[in-house]
PDB file of N, CA and C in Angstrom:
ATOM      1  N   MET A   1      22.227  -1.288  15.436  1.00  0.00           N
ATOM      2  CA  MET A   1      23.041  -0.441  14.417  1.00  0.00           C
ATOM      3  C   MET A   1      23.548  -1.900  13.510  1.00  0.00           C
ATOM      4  N   ARG A   2      23.395  -1.492  12.048  1.00  0.00           N
ATOM      5  CA  ARG A   2      23.746  -2.604  11.102  1.00  0.00           C
ATOM      6  C   ARG A   2      25.035  -1.854  10.163  1.00  0.00           C
ATOM      7  N   VAL A   3      25.873  -2.686  10.366  1.00  0.00           N
ATOM      8  CA  VAL A   3      27.023  -2.389   9.299  1.00  0.00           C
ATOM      9  C   VAL A   3      27.228  -3.497   8.174  1.00  0.00           C
ATOM     10  N   GLY A   4      27.335  -3.282   7.015  1.00  0.00           N
ATOM     11  CA  GLY A   4      27.454  -4.277   6.088  1.00  0.00           C
ATOM     12  C   GLY A   4      29.047  -4.218   5.597  1.00  0.00           C
ATOM     13  N   TYR A   5      29.616  -5.113   5.008  1.00  0.00           N
ATOM     14  CA  TYR A   5      30.733  -5.134   4.160  1.00  0.00           C
ATOM     15  C   TYR A   5      30.561  -6.235   3.124  1.00  0.00           C
ATOM     16  N   LYS A   6      31.553  -6.061   2.374  1.00  0.00           N
ATOM     17  CA  LYS A   6      31.590  -6.986   1.075  1.00  0.00           C
ATOM     18  C   LYS A   6      32.460  -8.347   1.357  1.00  0.00           C
ATOM     19  N   ALA A   7      31.910  -9.065   0.773  1.00  0.00           N
ATOM     20  CA  ALA A   7      32.436 -10.734   0.838  1.00  0.00           C
ATOM     21  C   ALA A   7      32.901 -11.215  -0.613  1.00  0.00           C
ATOM     22  N   ALA A   8      33.876 -11.899  -0.548  1.00  0.00           N
ATOM     23  CA  ALA A   8      34.422 -12.486  -1.819  1.00  0.00           C
ATOM     24  C   ALA A   8      33.645 -13.937  -2.102  1.00  0.00           C
ATOM     25  N   LEU A   9      33.470 -14.300  -3.282  1.00  0.00           N
ATOM     26  CA  LEU A   9      33.206 -15.579  -3.590  1.00  0.00           C
ATOM     27  C   LEU A   9      34.082 -16.283  -4.505  1.00  0.00           C
ATOM     28  N   THR A  10      34.560 -17.587  -3.836  1.00  0.00           N
ATOM     29  CA  THR A  10      35.571 -18.298  -4.602  1.00  0.00           C
ATOM     30  C   THR A  10      35.245 -19.646  -4.615  1.00  0.00           C
ATOM     31  N   ASN A  11      35.205 -20.105  -5.875  1.00  0.00           N
ATOM     32  CA  ASN A  11      34.547 -21.487  -6.126  1.00  0.00           C
ATOM     33  C   ASN A  11      33.568 -21.783  -5.051  1.00  0.00           C
ATOM     34  N   ASP A  12      32.461 -20.948  -5.352  1.00  0.00           N
ATOM     35  CA  ASP A  12      31.236 -21.210  -4.428  1.00  0.00           C
ATOM     36  C   ASP A  12      31.567 -21.264  -3.021  1.00  0.00           C
ATOM     37  N   LEU A  13      32.612 -20.717  -2.552  1.00  0.00           N
ATOM     38  CA  LEU A  13      32.761 -20.756  -1.087  1.00  0.00           C
ATOM     39  C   LEU A  13      32.954 -19.170  -0.456  1.00  0.00           C
ATOM     40  N   LEU A  14      32.116 -18.964   0.472  1.00  0.00           N
ATOM     41  CA  LEU A  14      32.025 -17.476   0.966  1.00  0.00           C
ATOM     42  C   LEU A  14      33.241 -17.114   1.747  1.00  0.00           C
ATOM     43  N   THR A  15      33.937 -16.289   1.478  1.00  0.00           N
ATOM     44  CA  THR A  15      35.042 -15.851   2.269  1.00  0.00           C
ATOM     45  C   THR A  15      34.845 -14.442   2.708  1.00  0.00           C
ATOM     46  N   LEU A  16      34.944 -14.657   4.192  1.00  0.00           N
ATOM     47  CA  LEU A  16      34.556 -13.109   4.776  1.00  0.00           C
ATOM     48  C   LEU A  16      35.593 -12.540   4.995  1.00  0.00           C
ATOM     49  N   PRO A  17      35.953 -10.970   4.985  1.00  0.00           N
ATOM     50  CA  PRO A  17      36.835 -10.460   5.534  1.00  0.00           C
ATOM     51  C   PRO A  17      36.864  -9.956   7.092  1.00  0.00           C
ATOM     52  N   THR A  18      38.152  -9.847   7.777  1.00  0.00           N
ATOM     53  CA  THR A  18      37.853  -9.636   9.151  1.00  0.00           C
ATOM     54  C   THR A  18      37.049  -8.378   9.191  1.00  0.00           C
ATOM     55  N   LEU A  19      36.246  -8.431  10.323  1.00  0.00           N
ATOM     56  CA  LEU A  19      35.476  -7.328  10.745  1.00  0.00           C
ATOM     57  C   LEU A  19      36.032  -6.417  11.963  1.00  0.00           C
ATOM     58  N   GLN A  20      35.872  -5.242  11.907  1.00  0.00           N
ATOM     59  CA  GLN A  20      36.607  -4.478  13.148  1.00  0.00           C
ATOM     60  C   GLN A  20      35.327  -3.854  13.605  1.00  0.00           C
ATOM     61  N   PRO A  21      35.191  -4.029  14.948  1.00  0.00           N
ATOM     62  CA  PRO A  21      33.796  -3.786  15.629  1.00  0.00           C
ATOM     63  C   PRO A  21      34.037  -1.993  15.528  1.00  0.00           C
ATOM     64  N   LEU A  22      32.772  -1.519  15.309  1.00  0.00           N
ATOM     65  CA  LEU A  22      32.404  -0.091  15.501  1.00  0.00           C
ATOM     66  C   LEU A  22      32.062   0.714  16.570  1.00  0.00           C
ATOM     67  N   SER A  23      31.673   0.061  17.306  1.00  0.00           N
ATOM     68  CA  SER A  23      30.849   0.036  18.706  1.00  0.00           C
ATOM     69  C   SER A  23      30.776  -1.018  19.306  1.00  0.00           C
ATOM     70  N   PRO A  24      30.402  -0.989  20.759  1.00  0.00           N
ATOM     71  CA  PRO A  24      30.347  -1.949  21.613  1.00  0.00           C
ATOM     72  C   PRO A  24      29.222  -2.957  21.227  1.00  0.00           C
ATOM     73  N   CYS A  25      28.110  -2.305  20.476  1.00  0.00           N
ATOM     74  CA  CYS A  25      27.095  -3.473  20.051  1.00  0.00           C
ATOM     75  C   CYS A  25      26.917  -3.224  18.461  1.00  0.00           C
ATOM     76  N   MET A  26      27.061  -4.316  17.731  1.00  0.00           N
ATOM     77  CA  MET A  26      26.576  -4.186  16.201  1.00  0.00           C
ATOM     78  C   MET A  26      26.082  -5.534  15.867  1.00  0.00           C
ATOM     79  N   SER A  27      25.193  -5.512  15.100  1.00  0.00           N
ATOM     80  CA  SER A  27      24.491  -6.472  14.180  1.00  0.00           C
ATOM     81  C   SER A  27      24.874  -6.188  12.827  1.00  0.00           C
ATOM     82  N   VAL A  28      25.311  -7.267  12.365  1.00  0.00           N
ATOM     83  CA  VAL A  28      25.998  -7.439  10.713  1.00  0.00           C
ATOM     84  C   VAL A  28      25.091  -8.322  10.064  1.00  0.00           C
ATOM     85  N   ARG A  29      24.386  -8.010   9.050  1.00  0.00           N
ATOM     86  CA  ARG A  29      23.537  -8.839   8.135  1.00  0.00           C
ATOM     87  C   ARG A  29      23.881  -8.673   6.638  1.00  0.00           C
ATOM     88  N   GLU A  30      24.351  -9.746   6.263  1.00  0.00           N
ATOM     89  CA  GLU A  30      24.899  -9.809   4.793  1.00  0.00           C
ATOM     90  C   GLU A  30      24.026 -10.458   3.821  1.00  0.00           C
ATOM     91  N   LYS A  31      23.574 -10.121   2.593  1.00  0.00           N
ATOM     92  CA  LYS A  31      22.875 -10.888   1.743  1.00  0.00           C
ATOM     93  C   LYS A  31      23.850 -11.095   0.549  1.00  0.00           C
ATOM     94  N   PHE A  32      23.945 -12.182  -0.053  1.00  0.00           N
ATOM     95  CA  PHE A  32      24.762 -12.672  -1.034  1.00  0.00           C
ATOM     96  C   PHE A  32      23.732 -13.268  -1.966  1.00  0.00           C
ATOM     97  N   GLU A  33      24.284 -13.451  -3.305  1.00  0.00           N
ATOM     98  CA  GLU A  33      23.506 -14.131  -4.143  1.00  0.00           C
ATOM     99  C   GLU A  33      24.648 -15.123  -4.723  1.00  0.00           C
ATOM    100  N   LEU A  34      24.017 -16.380  -4.464  1.00  0.00           N
ATOM    101  CA  LEU A  34      24.776 -17.382  -4.504  1.00  0.00           C
ATOM    102  C   LEU A  34      24.120 -18.146  -6.175  1.00  0.00           C
ATOM    103  N   ASP A  35      24.849 -19.335  -6.555  1.00  0.00           N
ATOM    104  CA  ASP A  35      24.185 -20.211  -7.554  1.00  0.00           C
ATOM    105  C   ASP A  35      22.619 -20.429  -7.193  1.00  0.00           C
ATOM    106  N   ASN A  36      22.318 -20.663  -6.146  1.00  0.00           N
ATOM    107  CA  ASN A  36      21.047 -21.232  -6.082  1.00  0.00           C
ATOM    108  C   ASN A  36      20.076 -20.001  -5.213  1.00  0.00           C
ATOM    109  N   GLY A  37      20.624 -19.318  -5.386  1.00  0.00           N
ATOM    110  CA  GLY A  37      19.487 -17.699  -5.024  1.00  0.00           C
ATOM    111  C   GLY A  37      20.063 -16.889  -3.682  1.00  0.00           C
ATOM    112  N   PRO A  38      19.376 -16.213  -3.135  1.00  0.00           N
ATOM    113  CA  PRO A  38      19.971 -15.160  -2.168  1.00  0.00           C
ATOM    114  C   PRO A  38      20.266 -15.945  -0.826  1.00  0.00           C
ATOM    115  N   VAL A  39      21.163 -15.428  -0.397  1.00  0.00           N
ATOM    116  CA  VAL A  39      21.683 -16.058   1.193  1.00  0.00           C
ATOM    117  C   VAL A  39      21.889 -14.873   2.173  1.00  0.00           C
ATOM    118  N   GLU A  40      21.370 -15.182   3.246  1.00  0.00           N
ATOM    119  CA  GLU A  40      21.559 -14.324   4.588  1.00  0.00           C
ATOM    120  C   GLU A  40      22.495 -14.544   5.612  1.00  0.00           C
ATOM    121  N   ILE A  41      23.605 -13.988   6.047  1.00  0.00           N
ATOM    122  CA  ILE A  41      24.489 -14.465   7.033  1.00  0.00           C
ATOM    123  C   ILE A  41      24.169 -13.194   8.139  1.00  0.00           C
ATOM    124  N   GLU A  42      23.642 -13.695   9.234  1.00  0.00           N
ATOM    125  CA  GLU A  42      23.458 -12.657  10.317  1.00  0.00           C
ATOM    126  C   GLU A  42      24.233 -12.963  11.474  1.00  0.00           C
ATOM    127  N   ARG A  43      25.068 -11.971  12.196  1.00  0.00           N
ATOM    128  CA  ARG A  43      25.829 -12.084  13.157  1.00  0.00           C
ATOM    129  C   ARG A  43      25.234 -11.166  14.283  1.00  0.00           C
ATOM    130  N   LYS A  44      25.399 -11.814  15.563  1.00  0.00           N
ATOM    131  CA  LYS A  44      24.991 -10.845  16.628  1.00  0.00           C
ATOM    132  C   LYS A  44      26.106 -10.612  17.699  1.00  0.00           C
ATOM    133  N   PHE A  45      25.866  -9.263  18.253  1.00  0.00           N
ATOM    134  CA  PHE A  45      26.982  -9.265  19.204  1.00  0.00           C
ATOM    135  C   PHE A  45      26.082  -8.850  20.529  1.00  0.00           C
ATOM    136  N   LEU A  46      26.694  -8.998  21.825  1.00  0.00           N
ATOM    137  CA  LEU A  46      26.359  -8.871  23.081  1.00  0.00           C
ATOM    138  C   LEU A  46      26.376  -7.190  23.316  1.00  0.00           C
ATOM    139  N   VAL A  47      25.517  -6.479  23.682  1.00  0.00           N
ATOM    140  CA  VAL A  47      25.429  -5.107  24.071  1.00  0.00           C
ATOM    141  C   VAL A  47      25.900  -5.057  25.561  1.00  0.00           C
ATOM    142  N   ALA A  48      26.946  -4.665  25.658  1.00  0.00           N
ATOM    143  CA  ALA A  48      27.904  -4.411  27.006  1.00  0.00           C
ATOM    144  C   ALA A  48      27.352  -3.163  27.905  1.00  0.00           C
ATOM    145  N   SER A  49      26.844  -2.063  27.024  1.00  0.00           N
ATOM    146  CA  SER A  49      26.382  -0.852  27.776  1.00  0.00           C
ATOM    147  C   SER A  49      25.598  -0.269  26.812  1.00  0.00           C
ATOM    148  N   ASP A  50      25.191   1.055  27.401  1.00  0.00           N
ATOM    149  CA  ASP A  50      24.137   1.970  26.325  1.00  0.00           C
ATOM    150  C   ASP A  50      25.280   3.029  25.279  1.00  0.00           C
ATOM    151  N   GLU A  51      26.545   2.742  25.462  1.00  0.00           N
ATOM    152  CA  GLU A  51      27.619   3.800  25.090  1.00  0.00           C
ATOM    153  C   GLU A  51      27.244   4.019  23.507  1.00  0.00           C
ATOM    154  N   TRP A  52      26.745   2.773  22.646  1.00  0.00           N
ATOM    155  CA  TRP A  52      26.724   2.991  21.152  1.00  0.00           C
ATOM    156  C   TRP A  52      25.755   3.954  21.095  1.00  0.00           C
ATOM    157  N   ARG A  53      24.683   4.217  21.895  1.00  0.00           N
ATOM    158  CA  ARG A  53      23.760   5.222  21.569  1.00  0.00           C
ATOM    159  C   ARG A  53      24.333   6.692  21.366  1.00  0.00           C
ATOM    160  N   GLN A  54      25.419   6.796  21.628  1.00  0.00           N
ATOM    161  CA  GLN A  54      26.175   8.084  21.253  1.00  0.00           C
ATOM    162  C   GLN A  54      26.698   8.406  19.697  1.00  0.00           C
ATOM    163  N   LEU A  55      26.740   6.810  19.316  1.00  0.00           N
ATOM    164  CA  LEU A  55      27.424   7.107  17.835  1.00  0.00           C
ATOM    165  C   LEU A  55      26.455   6.705  16.948  1.00  0.00           C
ATOM    166  N   ALA A  56      25.004   6.565  17.612  1.00  0.00           N
ATOM    167  CA  ALA A  56      23.790   6.638  16.285  1.00  0.00           C
ATOM    168  C   ALA A  56      23.650   7.919  15.592  1.00  0.00           C
ATOM    169  N   VAL A  57      23.469   7.931  14.421  1.00  0.00           N
ATOM    170  CA  VAL A  57      23.210   8.977  13.543  1.00  0.00           C
ATOM    171  C   VAL A  57      21.804   8.895  12.969  1.00  0.00           C
ATOM    172  N   ARG A  58      21.042   7.942  13.141  1.00  0.00           N
ATOM    173  CA  ARG A  58      19.544   7.768  12.694  1.00  0.00           C
ATOM    174  C   ARG A  58      18.949   6.495  13.554  1.00  0.00           C
ATOM    175  N   SER A  59      17.609   6.476  13.520  1.00  0.00           N
ATOM    176  CA  SER A  59      16.792   5.514  13.886  1.00  0.00           C
ATOM    177  C   SER A  59      15.597   5.389  13.060  1.00  0.00           C
ATOM    178  N   VAL A  60      15.257   3.973  12.647  1.00  0.00           N
ATOM    179  CA  VAL A  60      14.134   3.570  11.787  1.00  0.00           C
ATOM    180  C   VAL A  60      13.085   2.986  12.666  1.00  0.00           C
ATOM    181  N   ARG A  61      11.875   3.234  13.007  1.00  0.00           N
ATOM    182  CA  ARG A  61      10.901   2.418  13.451  1.00  0.00           C
ATOM    183  C   ARG A  61      10.419   1.098  12.488  1.00  0.00           C
ATOM    184  N   LEU A  62      10.676   0.040  13.156  1.00  0.00           N
ATOM    185  CA  LEU A  62      10.325  -1.112  12.617  1.00  0.00           C
ATOM    186  C   LEU A  62       9.037  -1.685  13.058  1.00  0.00           C
ATOM    187  N   ARG A  63       8.234  -2.225  12.412  1.00  0.00           N
ATOM    188  CA  ARG A  63       7.221  -3.040  12.807  1.00  0.00           C
ATOM    189  C   ARG A  63       7.445  -4.576  11.828  1.00  0.00           C
ATOM    190  N   ASP A  64       7.125  -5.481  12.788  1.00  0.00           N
ATOM    191  CA  ASP A  64       7.511  -6.867  12.206  1.00  0.00           C
ATOM    192  C   ASP A  64       6.503  -7.802  12.767  1.00  0.00           C
ATOM    193  N   GLY A  65       6.141  -8.610  11.724  1.00  0.00           N
ATOM    194  CA  GLY A  65       5.121  -9.674  12.082  1.00  0.00           C
ATOM    195  C   GLY A  65       5.348 -10.694  11.431  1.00  0.00           C
ATOM    196  N   LEU A  66       5.023 -12.039  12.191  1.00  0.00           N
ATOM    197  CA  LEU A  66       5.158 -13.282  11.581  1.00  0.00           C
ATOM    198  C   LEU A  66       4.123 -13.992  10.935  1.00  0.00           C
ATOM    199  N   ILE A  67       3.833 -14.138   9.768  1.00  0.00           N
ATOM    200  CA  ILE A  67       2.842 -15.061   9.236  1.00  0.00           C
ATOM    201  C   ILE A  67       2.807 -16.269   9.390  1.00  0.00           C
ATOM    202  N   ALA A  68       3.960 -17.003   9.123  1.00  0.00           N
ATOM    203  CA  ALA A  68       3.901 -18.419   9.633  1.00  0.00           C
ATOM    204  C   ALA A  68       5.368 -18.715   9.584  1.00  0.00           C
ATOM    205  N   ALA A  69       5.360 -19.614  10.507  1.00  0.00           N
ATOM    206  CA  ALA A  69       6.544 -20.662  10.880  1.00  0.00           C
ATOM    207  C   ALA A  69       6.562 -22.006  10.909  1.00  0.00           C
ATOM    208  N   HIS A  70       7.023 -22.786  10.344  1.00  0.00           N
ATOM    209  CA  HIS A  70       7.075 -24.472  10.541  1.00  0.00           C
ATOM    210  C   HIS A  70       8.724 -24.904  10.610  1.00  0.00           C
ATOM    211  N   LYS A  71       8.860 -25.739  11.330  1.00  0.00           N
ATOM    212  CA  LYS A  71      10.294 -26.100  11.826  1.00  0.00           C
ATOM    213  C   LYS A  71      11.146 -24.937  11.918  1.00  0.00           C
ATOM    214  N   ASP A  72      12.120 -24.906  10.648  1.00  0.00           N
ATOM    215  CA  ASP A  72      13.092 -24.090  10.796  1.00  0.00           C
ATOM    216  C   ASP A  72      12.832 -23.134   9.271  1.00  0.00           C
ATOM    217  N   ARG A  73      11.830 -22.756   8.978  1.00  0.00           N
ATOM    218  CA  ARG A  73      11.360 -21.904   8.172  1.00  0.00           C
ATOM    219  C   ARG A  73      10.359 -20.978   8.466  1.00  0.00           C
ATOM    220  N   LYS A  74      10.188 -19.696   7.904  1.00  0.00           N
ATOM    221  CA  LYS A  74       9.293 -18.875   8.439  1.00  0.00           C
ATOM    222  C   LYS A  74       9.000 -17.666   7.113  1.00  0.00           C
ATOM    223  N   VAL A  75       7.723 -17.049   7.441  1.00  0.00           N
ATOM    224  CA  VAL A  75       7.634 -16.070   6.669  1.00  0.00           C
ATOM    225  C   VAL A  75       7.214 -14.615   7.332  1.00  0.00           C
ATOM    226  N   ARG A  76       7.850 -13.563   7.125  1.00  0.00           N
ATOM    227  CA  ARG A  76       7.407 -12.251   7.818  1.00  0.00           C
ATOM    228  C   ARG A  76       7.211 -11.241   7.052  1.00  0.00           C
ATOM    229  N   ILE A  77       6.617 -10.409   7.810  1.00  0.00           N
ATOM    230  CA  ILE A  77       6.241  -8.908   7.088  1.00  0.00           C
ATOM    231  C   ILE A  77       6.922  -7.986   7.779  1.00  0.00           C
ATOM    232  N   ARG A  78       7.385  -6.923   7.266  1.00  0.00           N
ATOM    233  CA  ARG A  78       8.293  -5.679   8.025  1.00  0.00           C
ATOM    234  C   ARG A  78       7.887  -4.417   7.302  1.00  0.00           C
ATOM    235  N   ILE A  79       7.972  -3.646   8.343  1.00  0.00           N
ATOM    236  CA  ILE A  79       7.666  -2.036   7.899  1.00  0.00           C
ATOM    237  C   ILE A  79       8.352  -1.287   8.356  1.00  0.00           C
ATOM    238  N   ALA A  80       9.372  -0.678   7.276  1.00  0.00           N
ATOM    239  CA  ALA A  80      10.351   0.248   8.197  1.00  0.00           C
ATOM    240  C   ALA A  80      10.407   1.527   7.844  1.00  0.00           C
ATOM    241  N   GLY A  81       9.700   2.242   8.875  1.00  0.00           N
ATOM    242  CA  GLY A  81       9.683   3.560   9.042  1.00  0.00           C
ATOM    243  C   GLY A  81       8.244   3.763   8.307  1.00  0.00           C
ATOM    244  N   ASP A  82       8.096   5.010   7.442  1.00  0.00           N
ATOM    245  CA  ASP A  82       6.776   4.960   6.664  1.00  0.00           C
ATOM    246  C   ASP A  82       6.960   4.400   5.124  1.00  0.00           C
ATOM    247  N   HIS A  83       8.279   4.359   4.795  1.00  0.00           N
ATOM    248  CA  HIS A  83       8.336   4.179   3.496  1.00  0.00           C
ATOM    249  C   HIS A  83       8.789   2.751   2.634  1.00  0.00           C
ATOM    250  N   ILE A  84       8.995   1.702   3.484  1.00  0.00           N
ATOM    251  CA  ILE A  84       9.419   0.382   2.901  1.00  0.00           C
ATOM    252  C   ILE A  84       8.580  -0.609   3.648  1.00  0.00           C
ATOM    253  N   ALA A  85       8.090  -1.353   2.910  1.00  0.00           N
ATOM    254  CA  ALA A  85       7.398  -2.738   3.391  1.00  0.00           C
ATOM    255  C   ALA A  85       7.950  -3.721   2.525  1.00  0.00           C
ATOM    256  N   THR A  86       8.129  -5.018   3.503  1.00  0.00           N
ATOM    257  CA  THR A  86       8.705  -6.339   2.727  1.00  0.00           C
ATOM    258  C   THR A  86       8.051  -7.465   3.392  1.00  0.00           C
ATOM    259  N   VAL A  87       8.150  -8.309   2.442  1.00  0.00           N
ATOM    260  CA  VAL A  87       7.961  -9.800   2.921  1.00  0.00           C
ATOM    261  C   VAL A  87       8.990 -10.642   2.709  1.00  0.00           C
ATOM    262  N   ALA A  88       9.255 -11.409   3.664  1.00  0.00           N
ATOM    263  CA  ALA A  88      10.847 -12.429   3.670  1.00  0.00           C
ATOM    264  C   ALA A  88      10.263 -13.458   4.027  1.00  0.00           C
ATOM    265  N   ILE A  89      10.865 -14.449   3.073  1.00  0.00           N
ATOM    266  CA  ILE A  89      10.572 -15.911   3.222  1.00  0.00           C
ATOM    267  C   ILE A  89      11.845 -16.592   3.459  1.00  0.00           C
ATOM    268  N   LYS A  90      12.198 -17.215   4.666  1.00  0.00           N
ATOM    269  CA  LYS A  90      13.404 -17.692   5.111  1.00  0.00           C
ATOM    270  C   LYS A  90      13.367 -19.050   5.081  1.00  0.00           C
ATOM    271  N   GLY A  91      14.575 -19.673   4.269  1.00  0.00           N
ATOM    272  CA  GLY A  91      14.618 -21.199   4.910  1.00  0.00           C
ATOM    273  C   GLY A  91      15.490 -21.636   5.717  1.00  0.00           C
ATOM    274  N   PRO A  92      15.644 -22.889   5.969  1.00  0.00           N
ATOM    275  CA  PRO A  92      16.516 -23.572   7.155  1.00  0.00           C
ATOM    276  C   PRO A  92      17.940 -22.972   6.920  1.00  0.00           C
ATOM    277  N   ARG A  93      18.309 -22.876   8.321  1.00  0.00           N
ATOM    278  CA  ARG A  93      19.682 -22.374   8.531  1.00  0.00           C
ATOM    279  C   ARG A  93      21.101 -23.436   8.330  1.00  0.00           C
ATOM    280  N   ILE A  94      21.680 -23.251   7.608  1.00  0.00           N
ATOM    281  CA  ILE A  94      22.862 -24.229   7.291  1.00  0.00           C
ATOM    282  C   ILE A  94      24.414 -23.640   7.737  1.00  0.00           C
ATOM    283  N   GLY A  95      24.765 -23.834   9.134  1.00  0.00           N
ATOM    284  CA  GLY A  95      26.004 -23.113   9.758  1.00  0.00           C
ATOM    285  C   GLY A  95      25.527 -21.671   9.816  1.00  0.00           C
ATOM    286  N   ILE A  96      26.029 -20.895   9.286  1.00  0.00           N
ATOM    287  CA  ILE A  96      25.737 -19.632   9.678  1.00  0.00           C
ATOM    288  C   ILE A  96      24.878 -18.877   8.352  1.00  0.00           C
ATOM    289  N   ALA A  97      24.676 -19.558   7.503  1.00  0.00           N
ATOM    290  CA  ALA A  97      23.861 -19.066   6.079  1.00  0.00           C
ATOM    291  C   ALA A  97      22.481 -19.526   6.124  1.00  0.00           C
ATOM    292  N   GLN A  98      21.733 -18.823   5.732  1.00  0.00           N
ATOM    293  CA  GLN A  98      20.311 -18.950   5.735  1.00  0.00           C
ATOM    294  C   GLN A  98      19.941 -18.550   3.998  1.00  0.00           C
ATOM    295  N   ALA A  99      19.021 -19.063   3.368  1.00  0.00           N
ATOM    296  CA  ALA A  99      18.298 -18.584   2.191  1.00  0.00           C
ATOM    297  C   ALA A  99      17.112 -17.695   2.667  1.00  0.00           C
ATOM    298  N   GLU A 100      17.350 -16.613   2.102  1.00  0.00           N
ATOM    299  CA  GLU A 100      16.081 -15.633   2.299  1.00  0.00           C
ATOM    300  C   GLU A 100      15.909 -14.795   1.138  1.00  0.00           C
ATOM    301  N   PHE A 101      14.564 -14.915   0.732  1.00  0.00           N
ATOM    302  CA  PHE A 101      14.039 -14.154  -0.201  1.00  0.00           C
ATOM    303  C   PHE A 101      13.159 -12.760   0.349  1.00  0.00           C
ATOM    304  N   GLU A 102      13.443 -11.730  -0.195  1.00  0.00           N
ATOM    305  CA  GLU A 102      12.792 -10.614   0.470  1.00  0.00           C
ATOM    306  C   GLU A 102      12.234  -9.591  -0.732  1.00  0.00           C
ATOM    307  N   TYR A 103      10.861  -9.341  -0.675  1.00  0.00           N
ATOM    308  CA  TYR A 103      10.437  -8.555  -1.751  1.00  0.00           C
ATOM    309  C   TYR A 103       9.367  -7.460  -1.097  1.00  0.00           C
ATOM    310  N   GLU A 104       9.571  -6.414  -2.041  1.00  0.00           N
ATOM    311  CA  GLU A 104       9.022  -5.023  -1.135  1.00  0.00           C
ATOM    312  C   GLU A 104       7.520  -5.430  -1.598  1.00  0.00           C
ATOM    313  N   ILE A 105       6.760  -4.731  -0.758  1.00  0.00           N
ATOM    314  CA  ILE A 105       5.171  -4.667  -0.985  1.00  0.00           C
ATOM    315  C   ILE A 105       4.602  -3.490  -0.655  1.00  0.00           C
ATOM    316  N   PRO A 106       3.399  -3.328  -1.172  1.00  0.00           N
ATOM    317  CA  PRO A 106       2.631  -1.786  -1.021  1.00  0.00           C
ATOM    318  C   PRO A 106       2.518  -1.830   0.810  1.00  0.00           C
ATOM    319  N   ILE A 107       2.687  -0.660   1.089  1.00  0.00           N
ATOM    320  CA  ILE A 107       2.499  -0.737   2.579  1.00  0.00           C
ATOM    321  C   ILE A 107       0.957  -0.547   3.070  1.00  0.00           C
ATOM    322  N   PRO A 108       0.195  -0.420   2.194  1.00  0.00           N
ATOM    323  CA  PRO A 108      -1.166  -0.679   2.705  1.00  0.00           C
ATOM    324  C   PRO A 108      -1.569  -2.138   2.819  1.00  0.00           C
ATOM    325  N   ASP A 109      -0.907  -2.967   2.074  1.00  0.00           N
ATOM    326  CA  ASP A 109      -0.925  -4.601   1.960  1.00  0.00           C
ATOM    327  C   ASP A 109      -0.222  -4.952   3.346  1.00  0.00           C
ATOM    328  N   ALA A 110       1.153  -4.414   3.697  1.00  0.00           N
ATOM    329  CA  ALA A 110       1.519  -4.821   4.777  1.00  0.00           C
ATOM    330  C   ALA A 110       0.759  -4.628   6.142  1.00  0.00           C
ATOM    331  N   GLU A 111       0.180  -3.378   6.164  1.00  0.00           N
ATOM    332  CA  GLU A 111      -0.384  -2.637   7.195  1.00  0.00           C
ATOM    333  C   GLU A 111      -1.376  -3.787   7.527  1.00  0.00           C
ATOM    334  N   ARG A 112      -2.372  -3.953   6.478  1.00  0.00           N
ATOM    335  CA  ARG A 112      -3.759  -5.181   6.608  1.00  0.00           C
ATOM    336  C   ARG A 112      -2.942  -6.621   7.253  1.00  0.00           C
ATOM    337  N   MET A 113      -2.033  -6.902   6.817  1.00  0.00           N
ATOM    338  CA  MET A 113      -1.337  -8.366   6.988  1.00  0.00           C
ATOM    339  C   MET A 113      -1.127  -8.139   8.472  1.00  0.00           C
ATOM    340  N   LEU A 114      -0.377  -7.094   8.802  1.00  0.00           N
ATOM    341  CA  LEU A 114       0.058  -7.062  10.340  1.00  0.00           C
ATOM    342  C   LEU A 114      -1.190  -7.024  11.218  1.00  0.00           C
ATOM    343  N   SER A 115      -2.222  -6.254  10.882  1.00  0.00           N
ATOM    344  CA  SER A 115      -3.341  -6.181  11.753  1.00  0.00           C
ATOM    345  C   SER A 115      -4.348  -7.341  11.691  1.00  0.00           C
ATOM    346  N   THR A 116      -4.617  -8.142  10.656  1.00  0.00           N
ATOM    347  CA  THR A 116      -5.242  -9.052  10.177  1.00  0.00           C
ATOM    348  C   THR A 116      -4.962 -10.645  10.488  1.00  0.00           C
ATOM    349  N   ILE A 117      -3.665 -10.801   9.841  1.00  0.00           N
ATOM    350  CA  ILE A 117      -2.925 -12.091   9.852  1.00  0.00           C
ATOM    351  C   ILE A 117      -1.953 -12.638  10.966  1.00  0.00           C
ATOM    352  N   CYS A 118      -1.023 -11.245  11.279  1.00  0.00           N
ATOM    353  CA  CYS A 118       0.116 -11.424  12.463  1.00  0.00           C
ATOM    354  C   CYS A 118      -0.634 -11.265  13.740  1.00  0.00           C
ATOM    355  N   GLN A 119      -1.289 -10.360  13.874  1.00  0.00           N
ATOM    356  CA  GLN A 119      -2.141  -9.723  15.357  1.00  0.00           C
ATOM    357  C   GLN A 119      -1.423 -10.018  16.372  1.00  0.00           C
ATOM    358  N   ASP A 120      -1.004 -10.788  17.116  1.00  0.00           N
ATOM    359  CA  ASP A 120      -0.661 -10.978  18.484  1.00  0.00           C
ATOM    360  C   ASP A 120       1.035 -11.262  18.180  1.00  0.00           C
ATOM    361  N   ASP A 121       1.388 -11.602  17.039  1.00  0.00           N
ATOM    362  CA  ASP A 121       2.557 -11.834  16.552  1.00  0.00           C
ATOM    363  C   ASP A 121       3.511 -10.951  16.176  1.00  0.00           C
ATOM    364  N   THR A 122       3.358  -9.802  16.606  1.00  0.00           N
ATOM    365  CA  THR A 122       4.121  -8.642  16.016  1.00  0.00           C
ATOM    366  C   THR A 122       4.974  -7.867  17.139  1.00  0.00           C
ATOM    367  N   LEU A 123       6.005  -7.480  16.403  1.00  0.00           N
ATOM    368  CA  LEU A 123       7.016  -6.670  17.261  1.00  0.00           C
ATOM    369  C   LEU A 123       7.161  -5.205  16.790  1.00  0.00           C
ATOM    370  N   GLU A 124       7.568  -4.312  17.837  1.00  0.00           N
ATOM    371  CA  GLU A 124       7.803  -2.959  17.515  1.00  0.00           C
ATOM    372  C   GLU A 124       8.699  -2.527  18.137  1.00  0.00           C
TER     373      GLU A 124
END
């Protein structure tokens, strides 16, 4: 389950509000635009039980493939449901932040990339 919230930028410093857990399991992923481009902050929490499933209101099938990885950088393709496909280019992580550029691409292109370029490096 992903839950987003807004952050304030003050003198190029990122200030995050206090996050109140909504369930025993939660992944929070924020994207911000700073002076040098988009930045992702992803936080992960340990799942203690399956109780969170009762709170889920929908699910989306994800297909994810790694095109390239070098040191602390990577390029991935993702298809969410049957409606959205994206390519993401991720830079090195600095603390909890990471530069990430994500662009929507045609689903047929993403399908072909997953089957020909990613092959065994896919998750579903």
